[in-house]
């Protein structure tokens, strides 16, 4: 009794079709996010949605549709998926190579159906292209993924790409051993069913991993928006205090110094009144950019509110922090902010305080604020150090 492999695999194809439709809806809903790769991943799943019914109607509709067009849609799906990964990672999609490979696959399918009819050779051609694309996707992720390196989603997508590449290679070898032509019993064998199941799961599984990475990217953007001041890009007040407390714990554990600079733009109300609030915002952005250019990699700039900023300098003594503060003060004094409102000059006052063992970040801020208050009361455009550090300055130097 001949067993039709299509009937054996019908439940699997139906499940894959429903999963692909669901993923199409999910990816369509994510298009408004503006994240790269969504459109290409959506097209990859649309191609699978078209491919599966064509394949399932084998022997009912013409082979030009159930074999040639179906495998063409499958190749297009693989190409779109790789392109989506490339866009997501900010890399060129290399459409020229993807479409050339897909075209070669289609030509091979046409020849081994109408020129020399051979199912094993058709399967080998289709599996070879899928294996190449899956391998290229894994390599792309390993080389260019810049998100959280310990991300389970990144590991999942990379691992699945490698697994599916190996499965396609095994399937190609398996069908190569079926020459000249497999029987229905061979096609319905356990090995072939397993390999077909893995093949049917490729796009839904990879797409789920892609959706997880998209959600991770959205979560990262939301966290970044919550932790950053939207205008200047400096840390928000809340995140600055959380970071400051972490730095204090590190300083206590390593017995390394930690210094805080509190910075206030002098007479900022005059800038707003003279040039307008838009000009004031431009000055704040320019100031934050200028400070960022003078900080080390581990240093942190935060905005406390209005025209008041803070700079955390881990592993910096009070003496070295004073040098940083004076350098920033001189640079601000020379800084010209040129925009549509004209040219604006500004100056800053800075309070310096080094962390004393046992005190909280709030207490450190209070001492830096007192030093800033002294700088402003002494005429502004100057640097003042907390009295507690002045006595220790010779040892710090």
Protein backbone atom coordinates (compact mmCIF):
# COMPACT_ATOMS: atom_id res chain seq x y z
CA UNK A 1 0.00 0.00 0.00
CA UNK A 2 1.42 3.37 -1.04
CA UNK A 3 1.44 6.04 1.61
CA UNK A 4 1.09 9.58 0.39
CA UNK A 5 3.72 11.61 2.30
CA UNK A 6 1.67 14.77 1.78
CA UNK A 7 -1.15 13.25 3.85
CA UNK A 8 1.33 12.21 6.55
CA UNK A 9 2.71 15.74 6.75
CA UNK A 10 -0.60 17.60 6.32
CA UNK A 11 -1.02 18.32 10.08
CA UNK A 12 2.54 19.65 10.25
CA UNK A 13 2.07 21.88 7.22
CA UNK A 14 -1.25 23.16 8.62
CA UNK A 15 0.38 23.96 11.96
CA UNK A 16 3.25 25.74 10.22
CA UNK A 17 0.78 27.69 8.09
CA UNK A 18 -1.12 28.88 11.16
CA UNK A 19 2.10 29.81 12.96
CA UNK A 20 3.31 31.77 9.95
CA UNK A 21 -0.01 33.61 9.71
CA UNK A 22 0.20 34.49 13.41
CA UNK A 23 3.78 35.71 12.97
CA UNK A 24 2.68 37.82 10.00
CA UNK A 25 0.16 39.57 12.25
CA UNK A 26 2.75 40.06 15.01
CA UNK A 27 5.35 41.46 12.63
CA UNK A 28 2.76 43.66 10.92
CA UNK A 29 1.91 45.15 14.31
CA UNK A 30 5.62 45.90 14.87
CA UNK A 31 6.06 47.85 11.63
CA UNK A 32 5.08 51.08 13.38
CA UNK A 33 8.00 50.63 15.80
CA UNK A 34 10.41 51.84 13.13
CA UNK A 35 12.89 49.08 13.95
CA UNK A 36 14.94 47.84 10.98
CA UNK A 37 14.33 44.33 9.67
CA UNK A 38 10.61 44.11 10.44
CA UNK A 39 9.46 44.56 6.83
CA UNK A 40 11.85 41.90 5.50
CA UNK A 41 10.91 39.40 8.23
CA UNK A 42 7.24 40.03 7.48
CA UNK A 43 7.80 39.34 3.77
CA UNK A 44 9.66 36.13 4.67
CA UNK A 45 6.62 34.83 6.54
CA UNK A 46 4.20 35.95 3.83
CA UNK A 47 6.26 33.90 1.37
CA UNK A 48 5.94 30.85 3.65
CA UNK A 49 2.17 31.38 3.89
CA UNK A 50 2.02 31.24 0.07
CA UNK A 51 4.51 28.35 -0.20
CA UNK A 52 2.77 25.82 2.06
CA UNK A 53 -0.64 25.63 0.27
CA UNK A 54 1.12 25.35 -3.09
CA UNK A 55 3.19 22.46 -1.76
CA UNK A 56 0.14 20.82 -0.17
CA UNK A 57 -1.73 20.88 -3.50
CA UNK A 58 0.93 18.78 -5.19
CA UNK A 59 -0.59 16.48 -7.85
CA UNK A 60 -3.78 18.60 -7.78
CA UNK A 61 -2.47 21.80 -9.37
CA UNK A 62 0.16 22.04 -12.16
CA UNK A 63 3.77 21.29 -11.18
CA UNK A 64 4.72 24.79 -12.33
CA UNK A 65 2.83 26.03 -9.27
CA UNK A 66 3.30 23.23 -6.74
CA UNK A 67 6.98 22.67 -7.50
CA UNK A 68 8.56 25.63 -9.29
CA UNK A 69 6.60 28.52 -7.79
CA UNK A 70 6.43 26.87 -4.36
CA UNK A 71 10.19 26.39 -4.14
CA UNK A 72 10.71 29.88 -5.53
CA UNK A 73 8.63 31.30 -2.68
CA UNK A 74 10.66 29.21 -0.21
CA UNK A 75 13.91 30.62 -1.60
CA UNK A 76 12.49 34.15 -1.45
CA UNK A 77 11.49 33.56 2.17
CA UNK A 78 15.06 32.57 3.10
CA UNK A 79 16.48 35.58 1.26
CA UNK A 80 14.10 37.99 2.98
CA UNK A 81 14.88 36.54 6.39
CA UNK A 82 18.63 37.03 5.95
CA UNK A 83 18.02 40.56 4.64
CA UNK A 84 15.91 41.30 7.72
CA UNK A 85 18.73 40.17 10.01
CA UNK A 86 21.21 42.30 8.05
CA UNK A 87 18.97 45.40 8.30
CA UNK A 88 18.42 44.77 12.02
CA UNK A 89 22.19 44.68 12.57
CA UNK A 90 22.84 47.70 10.36
CA UNK A 91 24.63 45.65 7.71
CA UNK A 92 24.10 45.57 3.91
CA UNK A 93 21.52 42.92 2.94
CA UNK A 94 23.52 41.77 -0.11
CA UNK A 95 20.40 41.33 -2.21
CA UNK A 96 22.51 40.67 -5.29
CA UNK A 97 23.88 37.44 -3.85
CA UNK A 98 20.63 36.43 -2.16
CA UNK A 99 18.55 36.79 -5.32
CA UNK A 100 21.24 35.22 -7.48
CA UNK A 101 21.24 32.17 -5.20
CA UNK A 102 17.44 32.03 -5.21
CA UNK A 103 17.40 32.27 -9.02
CA UNK A 104 19.92 29.44 -9.31
CA UNK A 105 17.76 27.31 -7.02
CA UNK A 106 14.67 27.96 -9.15
CA UNK A 107 16.58 27.16 -12.35
CA UNK A 108 17.84 23.93 -10.80
CA UNK A 109 14.29 22.99 -9.78
CA UNK A 110 13.01 23.73 -13.31
CA UNK A 111 15.74 21.66 -14.94
CA UNK A 112 15.37 18.70 -12.56
CA UNK A 113 11.64 18.70 -13.12
CA UNK A 114 11.27 19.36 -16.86
CA UNK A 115 14.75 18.69 -18.25
CA UNK A 116 15.71 15.67 -16.19
CA UNK A 117 13.01 14.77 -13.67
CA UNK A 118 14.66 13.94 -10.34
CA UNK A 119 13.10 14.60 -6.95
CA UNK A 120 16.34 13.89 -5.03
CA UNK A 121 18.28 16.45 -7.05
CA UNK A 122 15.51 19.03 -6.59
CA UNK A 123 15.54 18.48 -2.85
CA UNK A 124 19.34 18.72 -2.79
CA UNK A 125 19.22 22.07 -4.60
CA UNK A 126 16.55 23.49 -2.29
CA UNK A 127 18.30 22.19 0.84
CA UNK A 128 21.69 23.51 -0.28
CA UNK A 129 20.37 27.06 -0.65
CA UNK A 130 18.59 26.90 2.71
CA UNK A 131 21.76 25.58 4.37
CA UNK A 132 23.85 28.40 2.89
CA UNK A 133 21.39 31.10 4.03
CA UNK A 134 21.10 29.63 7.55
CA UNK A 135 24.89 29.44 7.85
CA UNK A 136 25.25 33.01 6.60
CA UNK A 137 22.63 34.16 9.13
CA UNK A 138 24.49 32.53 12.03
CA UNK A 139 27.77 34.08 10.88
CA UNK A 140 26.10 37.48 10.51
CA UNK A 141 24.81 37.33 14.08
CA UNK A 142 28.15 36.22 15.51
CA UNK A 143 30.07 38.98 13.76
CA UNK A 144 27.76 41.98 13.99
CA UNK A 145 25.33 41.59 16.89
CA UNK A 146 25.95 44.58 19.18
CA UNK A 147 23.11 44.23 21.69
CA UNK A 148 23.37 42.37 24.96
CA UNK A 149 25.95 39.70 24.20
CA UNK A 150 24.44 37.41 26.84
CA UNK A 151 20.99 37.82 25.29
CA UNK A 152 19.18 34.49 25.16
CA UNK A 153 17.35 35.69 22.05
CA UNK A 154 20.58 36.33 20.17
CA UNK A 155 21.92 32.94 21.25
CA UNK A 156 18.63 31.30 20.26
CA UNK A 157 18.63 32.76 16.75
CA UNK A 158 22.29 31.91 16.20
CA UNK A 159 21.86 28.38 17.54
CA UNK A 160 18.71 27.72 15.51
CA UNK A 161 20.42 28.95 12.34
CA UNK A 162 23.28 26.50 12.89
CA UNK A 163 20.87 23.66 13.72
CA UNK A 164 18.73 24.25 10.65
CA UNK A 165 21.81 24.55 8.41
CA UNK A 166 23.01 21.15 9.60
CA UNK A 167 19.51 19.67 9.18
CA UNK A 168 19.38 20.87 5.56
CA UNK A 169 22.81 19.41 4.84
CA UNK A 170 21.70 16.07 6.31
CA UNK A 171 18.49 16.18 4.25
CA UNK A 172 20.49 16.89 1.10
CA UNK A 173 22.76 13.91 1.79
CA UNK A 174 19.78 11.70 2.67
CA UNK A 175 18.04 12.44 -0.63
CA UNK A 176 21.32 12.04 -2.51
CA UNK A 177 21.31 8.43 -1.32
CA UNK A 178 17.82 7.87 -2.78
CA UNK A 179 18.94 7.85 -6.39
CA UNK A 180 17.59 7.21 -8.92
CA UNK A 181 14.10 7.91 -7.55
CA UNK A 182 12.61 7.40 -4.08
CA UNK A 183 9.44 5.38 -3.53
CA UNK A 184 6.42 6.60 -1.56
CA UNK A 185 7.51 4.36 1.31
CA UNK A 186 10.95 5.98 1.37
CA UNK A 187 9.39 9.44 1.34
CA UNK A 188 7.12 8.51 4.24
CA UNK A 189 9.97 7.00 6.26
CA UNK A 190 10.68 8.24 9.75
CA UNK A 191 13.93 9.93 8.74
CA UNK A 192 12.32 11.90 5.94
CA UNK A 193 9.36 12.90 8.11
CA UNK A 194 11.72 14.17 10.82
CA UNK A 195 13.80 16.14 8.31
CA UNK A 196 10.66 17.61 6.72
CA UNK A 197 9.35 18.58 10.16
CA UNK A 198 12.59 20.39 10.89
CA UNK A 199 12.40 22.07 7.49
CA UNK A 200 8.83 23.19 8.12
CA UNK A 201 9.85 24.62 11.49
CA UNK A 202 12.71 26.74 10.13
CA UNK A 203 10.89 29.97 9.33
CA UNK A 204 8.43 30.00 12.28
CA UNK A 205 11.25 29.25 14.74
CA UNK A 206 13.66 31.80 13.28
CA UNK A 207 10.86 34.38 13.08
CA UNK A 208 9.95 33.84 16.73
CA UNK A 209 13.59 34.45 17.65
CA UNK A 210 13.53 37.61 15.52
CA UNK A 211 10.37 38.84 17.25
CA UNK A 212 12.03 38.25 20.63
CA UNK A 213 15.02 40.32 19.51
CA UNK A 214 12.69 43.08 18.32
CA UNK A 215 10.98 43.16 21.70
CA UNK A 216 14.37 43.24 23.40
CA UNK A 217 15.36 46.20 21.22
CA UNK A 218 12.11 47.99 22.10
CA UNK A 219 12.70 47.31 25.79
CA UNK A 220 16.23 48.66 25.50
CA UNK A 221 14.93 51.81 23.81
CA UNK A 222 12.32 52.27 26.55
CA UNK A 223 14.94 51.82 29.26
CA UNK A 224 17.26 54.24 27.50
CA UNK A 225 14.46 56.80 27.23
CA UNK A 226 13.66 56.40 30.94
CA UNK A 227 17.31 56.61 31.98
CA UNK A 228 18.29 59.52 29.73
CA UNK A 229 17.35 63.16 29.63
CA UNK A 230 15.53 63.52 26.31
CA UNK A 231 17.07 66.92 25.53
CA UNK A 232 20.76 66.53 26.35
CA UNK A 233 21.28 62.75 26.37
CA UNK A 234 22.72 62.92 29.87
CA UNK A 235 21.54 60.48 32.52
CA UNK A 236 18.23 61.35 34.14
CA UNK A 237 18.26 62.42 37.79
CA UNK A 238 16.82 59.09 38.93
CA UNK A 239 19.31 57.00 36.97
CA UNK A 240 22.19 59.24 38.01
CA UNK A 241 21.42 58.60 41.68
CA UNK A 242 21.17 54.85 41.06
CA UNK A 243 24.50 54.93 39.20
CA UNK A 244 26.07 57.02 41.94
CA UNK A 245 25.07 54.49 44.58
CA UNK A 246 26.55 51.67 42.46
CA UNK A 247 29.81 53.61 42.12
CA UNK A 248 29.91 54.09 45.88
CA UNK A 249 29.55 50.35 46.45
CA UNK A 250 32.36 49.73 43.97
CA UNK A 251 34.56 52.37 45.61
CA UNK A 252 33.94 50.82 49.02
CA UNK A 253 34.80 47.34 47.74
CA UNK A 254 37.95 48.38 45.82
CA UNK A 255 39.00 51.28 48.09
CA UNK A 256 39.37 53.43 45.00
CA UNK A 257 38.47 57.15 44.99
CA UNK A 258 35.22 58.57 43.65
CA UNK A 259 34.65 62.27 42.99
CA UNK A 260 31.52 64.21 42.11
CA UNK A 261 31.29 67.50 40.21
CA UNK A 262 28.11 69.56 40.45
CA UNK A 263 27.90 72.09 37.62
CA UNK A 264 25.55 75.04 37.19
CA UNK A 265 25.34 77.26 34.09
CA UNK A 266 25.75 80.83 35.29
CA UNK A 267 22.88 83.31 34.81
CA UNK A 268 21.01 80.87 32.62
CA UNK A 269 17.76 82.82 33.06
CA UNK A 270 19.37 85.74 31.25
CA UNK A 271 20.11 83.46 28.27
CA UNK A 272 16.48 82.35 28.15
CA UNK A 273 15.19 85.92 28.52
CA UNK A 274 17.60 87.32 25.92
CA UNK A 275 17.58 84.65 23.24
CA UNK A 276 14.45 82.63 24.05
CA UNK A 277 13.88 79.20 25.59
CA UNK A 278 14.72 77.41 22.32
CA UNK A 279 18.14 79.04 22.46
CA UNK A 280 18.50 77.99 26.08
CA UNK A 281 17.77 74.40 25.10
CA UNK A 282 20.40 74.62 22.38
CA UNK A 283 22.96 75.86 24.90
CA UNK A 284 22.16 72.96 27.25
CA UNK A 285 22.63 70.44 24.44
CA UNK A 286 25.88 72.07 23.30
CA UNK A 287 27.17 72.12 26.89
CA UNK A 288 26.35 68.43 27.41
CA UNK A 289 28.11 67.54 24.14
CA UNK A 290 31.15 69.56 25.16
CA UNK A 291 31.38 67.85 28.56
CA UNK A 292 31.05 64.43 26.95
CA UNK A 293 34.09 65.15 24.78
CA UNK A 294 36.24 65.73 27.89
CA UNK A 295 35.22 62.67 29.92
CA UNK A 296 36.75 59.22 30.09
CA UNK A 297 34.85 56.09 29.15
CA UNK A 298 33.71 55.28 32.70
CA UNK A 299 32.84 58.87 33.66
CA UNK A 300 29.13 59.70 33.81
CA UNK A 301 27.27 62.91 33.01
CA UNK A 302 23.79 63.42 34.43
CA UNK A 303 21.26 66.23 34.43
CA UNK A 304 19.76 67.04 37.82
CA UNK A 305 17.24 69.48 36.39
CA UNK A 306 17.10 72.87 34.71
CA UNK A 307 20.65 74.07 34.09
CA UNK A 308 22.27 71.91 36.80
CA UNK A 309 24.39 68.89 35.86
CA UNK A 310 26.54 66.35 37.68
CA UNK A 311 29.65 64.45 36.63
CA UNK A 312 30.72 61.26 38.40
CA UNK A 313 34.44 60.52 38.16
CA UNK A 314 35.26 57.00 39.40
CA UNK A 315 38.92 56.26 40.22
CA UNK A 316 39.66 59.99 40.26
CA UNK A 317 41.16 61.75 43.26
CA UNK A 318 39.96 65.19 44.32
CA UNK A 319 43.15 66.74 42.94
CA UNK A 320 42.68 65.19 39.48
CA UNK A 321 38.95 66.02 39.59
CA UNK A 322 39.83 69.66 40.24
CA UNK A 323 41.94 69.64 37.08
CA UNK A 324 39.01 68.19 35.13
CA UNK A 325 36.65 70.79 36.60
CA UNK A 326 39.00 73.65 35.76
CA UNK A 327 39.42 72.34 32.22
CA UNK A 328 35.64 72.22 31.79
CA UNK A 329 35.26 75.72 33.23
CA UNK A 330 37.81 77.18 30.83
CA UNK A 331 36.31 75.33 27.88
CA UNK A 332 32.82 76.59 28.74
CA UNK A 333 34.11 80.15 29.03
CA UNK A 334 35.52 79.89 25.51
CA UNK A 335 32.56 77.96 24.10
CA UNK A 336 30.47 79.78 21.51
CA UNK A 337 27.06 78.31 20.75
CA UNK A 338 26.10 79.37 17.23
CA UNK A 339 22.57 78.76 15.99
CA UNK A 340 19.62 80.48 14.35
CA UNK A 341 19.21 82.71 17.42
CA UNK A 342 22.75 84.09 17.06
CA UNK A 343 25.95 83.49 19.00
CA UNK A 344 25.73 82.87 22.73
CA UNK A 345 28.46 82.73 25.38
CA UNK A 346 28.08 81.18 28.80
CA UNK A 347 30.12 80.23 31.86
CA UNK A 348 29.78 77.60 34.58
CA UNK A 349 30.36 77.22 38.29
CA UNK A 350 31.50 73.90 39.70
CA UNK A 351 31.45 72.28 43.14
CA UNK A 352 33.84 69.38 43.79
CA UNK A 353 33.44 66.71 46.48
CA UNK A 354 35.23 63.40 46.94
CA UNK A 355 33.48 60.43 48.51
CA UNK A 356 34.30 59.86 52.15
CA UNK A 357 34.01 56.26 53.31
CA UNK A 358 30.66 55.46 54.88
CA UNK A 359 28.63 58.31 53.41
CA UNK A 360 25.69 57.86 51.05
CA UNK A 361 25.36 59.37 47.58
CA UNK A 362 22.88 61.91 48.98
CA UNK A 363 25.48 63.05 51.51
CA UNK A 364 28.12 63.29 48.79
CA UNK A 365 25.72 65.41 46.71
CA UNK A 366 25.04 67.70 49.67
CA UNK A 367 28.74 68.45 50.14
CA UNK A 368 29.24 69.02 46.40
CA UNK A 369 26.18 71.30 46.44
CA UNK A 370 27.66 73.32 49.31
CA UNK A 371 30.87 73.74 47.30
CA UNK A 372 28.84 74.82 44.26
CA UNK A 373 26.97 77.33 46.43
CA UNK A 374 30.33 78.80 47.51
CA UNK A 375 31.47 79.02 43.89
CA UNK A 376 28.32 80.91 42.90
CA UNK A 377 28.49 83.24 45.90
CA UNK A 378 32.15 83.98 45.16
CA UNK A 379 31.33 85.50 41.80
CA UNK A 380 30.53 82.45 39.61
CA UNK A 381 32.66 81.10 36.77
CA UNK A 382 34.91 79.29 39.20
CA UNK A 383 35.60 75.94 40.86
CA UNK A 384 35.22 75.32 44.60
CA UNK A 385 36.08 72.17 46.53
CA UNK A 386 34.25 70.85 49.57
CA UNK A 387 35.93 71.85 52.83
CA UNK A 388 36.27 68.21 53.88
CA UNK A 389 38.56 67.55 50.90
CA UNK A 390 40.63 70.70 51.24
CA UNK A 391 42.24 69.34 54.40
CA UNK A 392 43.05 66.06 52.64
CA UNK A 393 44.14 67.62 49.33
CA UNK A 394 47.94 67.38 49.93
CA UNK A 395 47.61 63.63 50.58
CA UNK A 396 45.32 63.22 47.53
CA UNK A 397 47.75 65.07 45.31
